Amino acid sequence: MYKSVINQGKFLVVITDGVFDTPIIELPTEELADRVAYELQTARDEGESWGVVQILNELDVEKVKNETREAIQKLRSMDKEEKEVYLEKIRRRHERVQKVQQARRWKSVLSWKKKHL
């Protein structure tokens, strides 16, 4: 996990595994350290999620094909209004999920500020 830490007046980004904390970069401002830690954590989380999806796809190719086929058939069978409502619902859900994920990443990146100030 990547964290933003202030240590002896230095703005650091550290990588931590729960046991060891290793500084990886010192930055000139607290805001920049926060942002770099957030972006690194985001990249890690997205890479991890992508890897899980890839492994699941490789393990059960037929299930993925069937689910994809069913979703496409469902969309094709909808009229224009139904499709727009359905796609809007998916878009809103995706936005909510992204906001929650973003808030969690910021919380984890900044959680050390309270402990180390």
C-alpha atoms as a PDB file:
ATOM      1  CA  MET A   1       0.000   0.000   0.000  1.00  0.00           C
ATOM      2  CA  TYR A   2       1.230   3.487  -0.778  1.00  0.00           C
ATOM      3  CA  LYS A   3       0.985   6.209   1.863  1.00  0.00           C
ATOM      4  CA  SER A   4       1.761   9.890   2.110  1.00  0.00           C
ATOM      5  CA  VAL A   5       3.759  10.694   5.254  1.00  0.00           C
ATOM      6  CA  ILE A   6       5.287  13.790   6.837  1.00  0.00           C
ATOM      7  CA  ASN A   7       8.479  12.807   8.635  1.00  0.00           C
ATOM      8  CA  GLN A   8      10.889  15.384  10.096  1.00  0.00           C
ATOM      9  CA  GLY A   9       9.449  18.092   7.870  1.00  0.00           C
ATOM     10  CA  LYS A  10       9.847  15.987   4.724  1.00  0.00           C
ATOM     11  CA  PHE A  11       6.927  15.026   2.512  1.00  0.00           C
ATOM     12  CA  LEU A  12       7.399  11.358   1.673  1.00  0.00           C
ATOM     13  CA  VAL A  13       5.594   8.664  -0.246  1.00  0.00           C
ATOM     14  CA  VAL A  14       6.192   5.294   1.354  1.00  0.00           C
ATOM     15  CA  ILE A  15       5.259   1.769   0.412  1.00  0.00           C
ATOM     16  CA  THR A  16       4.138  -0.373   3.316  1.00  0.00           C
ATOM     17  CA  ASP A  17       3.247  -4.013   3.764  1.00  0.00           C
ATOM     18  CA  GLY A  18       2.017  -3.674   7.331  1.00  0.00           C
ATOM     19  CA  VAL A  19       5.411  -4.553   8.799  1.00  0.00           C
ATOM     20  CA  PHE A  20       7.945  -2.439   6.939  1.00  0.00           C
ATOM     21  CA  ASP A  21       7.629   1.115   5.628  1.00  0.00           C
ATOM     22  CA  THR A  22      10.014   1.988   2.827  1.00  0.00           C
ATOM     23  CA  PRO A  23      10.256   5.595   1.593  1.00  0.00           C
ATOM     24  CA  ILE A  24      10.275   5.657  -2.194  1.00  0.00           C
ATOM     25  CA  ILE A  25      10.253   9.365  -2.974  1.00  0.00           C
ATOM     26  CA  GLU A  26      10.514  12.764  -1.271  1.00  0.00           C
ATOM     27  CA  LEU A  27       8.443  15.561  -2.765  1.00  0.00           C
ATOM     28  CA  PRO A  28       8.459  19.338  -2.276  1.00  0.00           C
ATOM     29  CA  THR A  29       4.861  19.723  -1.035  1.00  0.00           C
ATOM     30  CA  GLU A  30       2.376  17.774   1.038  1.00  0.00           C
ATOM     31  CA  GLU A  31      -0.283  18.049  -1.667  1.00  0.00           C
ATOM     32  CA  LEU A  32       2.057  16.570  -4.267  1.00  0.00           C
ATOM     33  CA  ALA A  33       3.019  13.700  -1.950  1.00  0.00           C
ATOM     34  CA  ASP A  34      -0.674  13.002  -1.314  1.00  0.00           C
ATOM     35  CA  ARG A  35      -1.448  13.003  -5.033  1.00  0.00           C
ATOM     36  CA  VAL A  36       1.494  10.765  -5.977  1.00  0.00           C
ATOM     37  CA  ALA A  37       0.585   8.243  -3.261  1.00  0.00           C
ATOM     38  CA  TYR A  38      -3.045   8.299  -4.412  1.00  0.00           C
ATOM     39  CA  GLU A  39      -2.135   7.735  -8.073  1.00  0.00           C
ATOM     40  CA  LEU A  40       0.264   4.907  -7.213  1.00  0.00           C
ATOM     41  CA  GLN A  41      -2.361   3.225  -5.029  1.00  0.00           C
ATOM     42  CA  THR A  42      -4.976   3.651  -7.766  1.00  0.00           C
ATOM     43  CA  ALA A  43      -2.692   2.042 -10.340  1.00  0.00           C
ATOM     44  CA  ARG A  44      -1.979  -0.848  -7.969  1.00  0.00           C
ATOM     45  CA  ASP A  45      -5.676  -1.409  -7.196  1.00  0.00           C
ATOM     46  CA  GLU A  46      -6.680  -1.285 -10.852  1.00  0.00           C
ATOM     47  CA  GLY A  47      -3.885  -3.661 -11.830  1.00  0.00           C
ATOM     48  CA  GLU A  48      -4.910  -6.074  -9.114  1.00  0.00           C
ATOM     49  CA  SER A  49      -8.571  -5.953 -10.205  1.00  0.00           C
ATOM     50  CA  TRP A  50      -7.618  -6.473 -13.830  1.00  0.00           C
ATOM     51  CA  GLY A  51      -5.466  -9.463 -12.900  1.00  0.00           C
ATOM     52  CA  VAL A  52      -8.289 -11.098 -10.951  1.00  0.00           C
ATOM     53  CA  VAL A  53     -10.673 -10.659 -13.888  1.00  0.00           C
ATOM     54  CA  GLN A  54      -8.108 -12.117 -16.292  1.00  0.00           C
ATOM     55  CA  ILE A  55      -7.545 -15.169 -14.099  1.00  0.00           C
ATOM     56  CA  LEU A  56     -11.288 -15.762 -13.693  1.00  0.00           C
ATOM     57  CA  ASN A  57     -11.766 -15.439 -17.455  1.00  0.00           C
ATOM     58  CA  GLU A  58      -9.044 -17.994 -18.086  1.00  0.00           C
ATOM     59  CA  LEU A  59     -10.502 -20.413 -15.548  1.00  0.00           C
ATOM     60  CA  ASP A  60     -14.084 -20.286 -16.838  1.00  0.00           C
ATOM     61  CA  VAL A  61     -14.094 -19.194 -20.477  1.00  0.00           C
ATOM     62  CA  GLU A  62     -17.475 -20.744 -21.246  1.00  0.00           C
ATOM     63  CA  LYS A  63     -19.207 -18.936 -18.382  1.00  0.00           C
ATOM     64  CA  VAL A  64     -17.787 -15.588 -19.544  1.00  0.00           C
ATOM     65  CA  LYS A  65     -18.921 -16.275 -23.118  1.00  0.00           C
ATOM     66  CA  ASN A  66     -22.431 -17.216 -21.969  1.00  0.00           C
ATOM     67  CA  GLU A  67     -22.787 -14.154 -19.705  1.00  0.00           C
ATOM     68  CA  THR A  68     -21.562 -11.877 -22.490  1.00  0.00           C
ATOM     69  CA  ARG A  69     -23.940 -13.452 -25.013  1.00  0.00           C
ATOM     70  CA  GLU A  70     -26.890 -13.098 -22.603  1.00  0.00           C
ATOM     71  CA  ALA A  71     -26.080  -9.443 -21.871  1.00  0.00           C
ATOM     72  CA  ILE A  72     -25.854  -8.617 -25.582  1.00  0.00           C
ATOM     73  CA  GLN A  73     -29.141 -10.420 -26.308  1.00  0.00           C
ATOM     74  CA  LYS A  74     -30.833  -8.544 -23.470  1.00  0.00           C
ATOM     75  CA  LEU A  75     -29.661  -5.206 -24.882  1.00  0.00           C
ATOM     76  CA  ARG A  76     -30.727  -6.122 -28.414  1.00  0.00           C
ATOM     77  CA  SER A  77     -34.214  -7.109 -27.262  1.00  0.00           C
ATOM     78  CA  MET A  78     -34.835  -3.736 -25.574  1.00  0.00           C
ATOM     79  CA  ASP A  79     -36.485  -0.850 -27.363  1.00  0.00           C
ATOM     80  CA  LYS A  80     -34.651   2.471 -27.545  1.00  0.00           C
ATOM     81  CA  GLU A  81     -36.177   3.968 -24.382  1.00  0.00           C
ATOM     82  CA  GLU A  82     -35.564   0.839 -22.307  1.00  0.00           C
ATOM     83  CA  LYS A  83     -31.980   0.698 -23.518  1.00  0.00           C
ATOM     84  CA  GLU A  84     -31.351   4.348 -22.621  1.00  0.00           C
ATOM     85  CA  VAL A  85     -32.800   3.857 -19.111  1.00  0.00           C
ATOM     86  CA  TYR A  86     -30.781   0.671 -18.628  1.00  0.00           C
ATOM     87  CA  LEU A  87     -27.527   2.236 -19.810  1.00  0.00           C
ATOM     88  CA  GLU A  88     -28.124   5.349 -17.665  1.00  0.00           C
ATOM     89  CA  LYS A  89     -28.673   3.123 -14.623  1.00  0.00           C
ATOM     90  CA  ILE A  90     -25.399   1.302 -15.330  1.00  0.00           C
ATOM     91  CA  ARG A  91     -23.557   4.611 -15.836  1.00  0.00           C
ATOM     92  CA  ARG A  92     -24.866   6.028 -12.517  1.00  0.00           C
ATOM     93  CA  ARG A  93     -23.932   2.844 -10.663  1.00  0.00           C
ATOM     94  CA  HIS A  94     -20.453   2.918 -12.188  1.00  0.00           C
ATOM     95  CA  GLU A  95     -20.025   6.569 -11.105  1.00  0.00           C
ATOM     96  CA  ARG A  96     -21.093   5.730  -7.530  1.00  0.00           C
ATOM     97  CA  VAL A  97     -18.699   2.789  -7.376  1.00  0.00           C
ATOM     98  CA  GLN A  98     -15.862   4.984  -8.656  1.00  0.00           C
ATOM     99  CA  LYS A  99     -16.599   7.669  -6.043  1.00  0.00           C
ATOM    100  CA  VAL A 100     -16.553   5.097  -3.233  1.00  0.00           C
ATOM    101  CA  GLN A 101     -13.314   3.563  -4.518  1.00  0.00           C
ATOM    102  CA  GLN A 102     -11.743   7.010  -4.824  1.00  0.00           C
ATOM    103  CA  ALA A 103     -12.787   7.958  -1.280  1.00  0.00           C
ATOM    104  CA  ARG A 104     -11.375   4.698   0.085  1.00  0.00           C
ATOM    105  CA  ARG A 105      -8.059   5.238  -1.712  1.00  0.00           C
ATOM    106  CA  TRP A 106      -7.759   8.791  -0.379  1.00  0.00           C
ATOM    107  CA  LYS A 107      -8.623   7.569   3.106  1.00  0.00           C
ATOM    108  CA  SER A 108      -5.959   4.863   2.978  1.00  0.00           C
ATOM    109  CA  VAL A 109      -3.348   7.199   1.490  1.00  0.00           C
ATOM    110  CA  LEU A 110      -3.974   9.880   4.111  1.00  0.00           C
ATOM    111  CA  SER A 111      -4.552   7.578   7.100  1.00  0.00           C
ATOM    112  CA  TRP A 112      -0.971   7.961   8.308  1.00  0.00           C
ATOM    113  CA  LYS A 113      -1.269  11.748   8.581  1.00  0.00           C
ATOM    114  CA  LYS A 114      -3.205  11.440  11.821  1.00  0.00           C
ATOM    115  CA  LYS A 115      -0.773   8.919  13.280  1.00  0.00           C
ATOM    116  CA  HIS A 116       2.498  10.605  12.364  1.00  0.00           C
ATOM    117  CA  LEU A 117       1.810  14.329  12.763  1.00  0.00           C
END
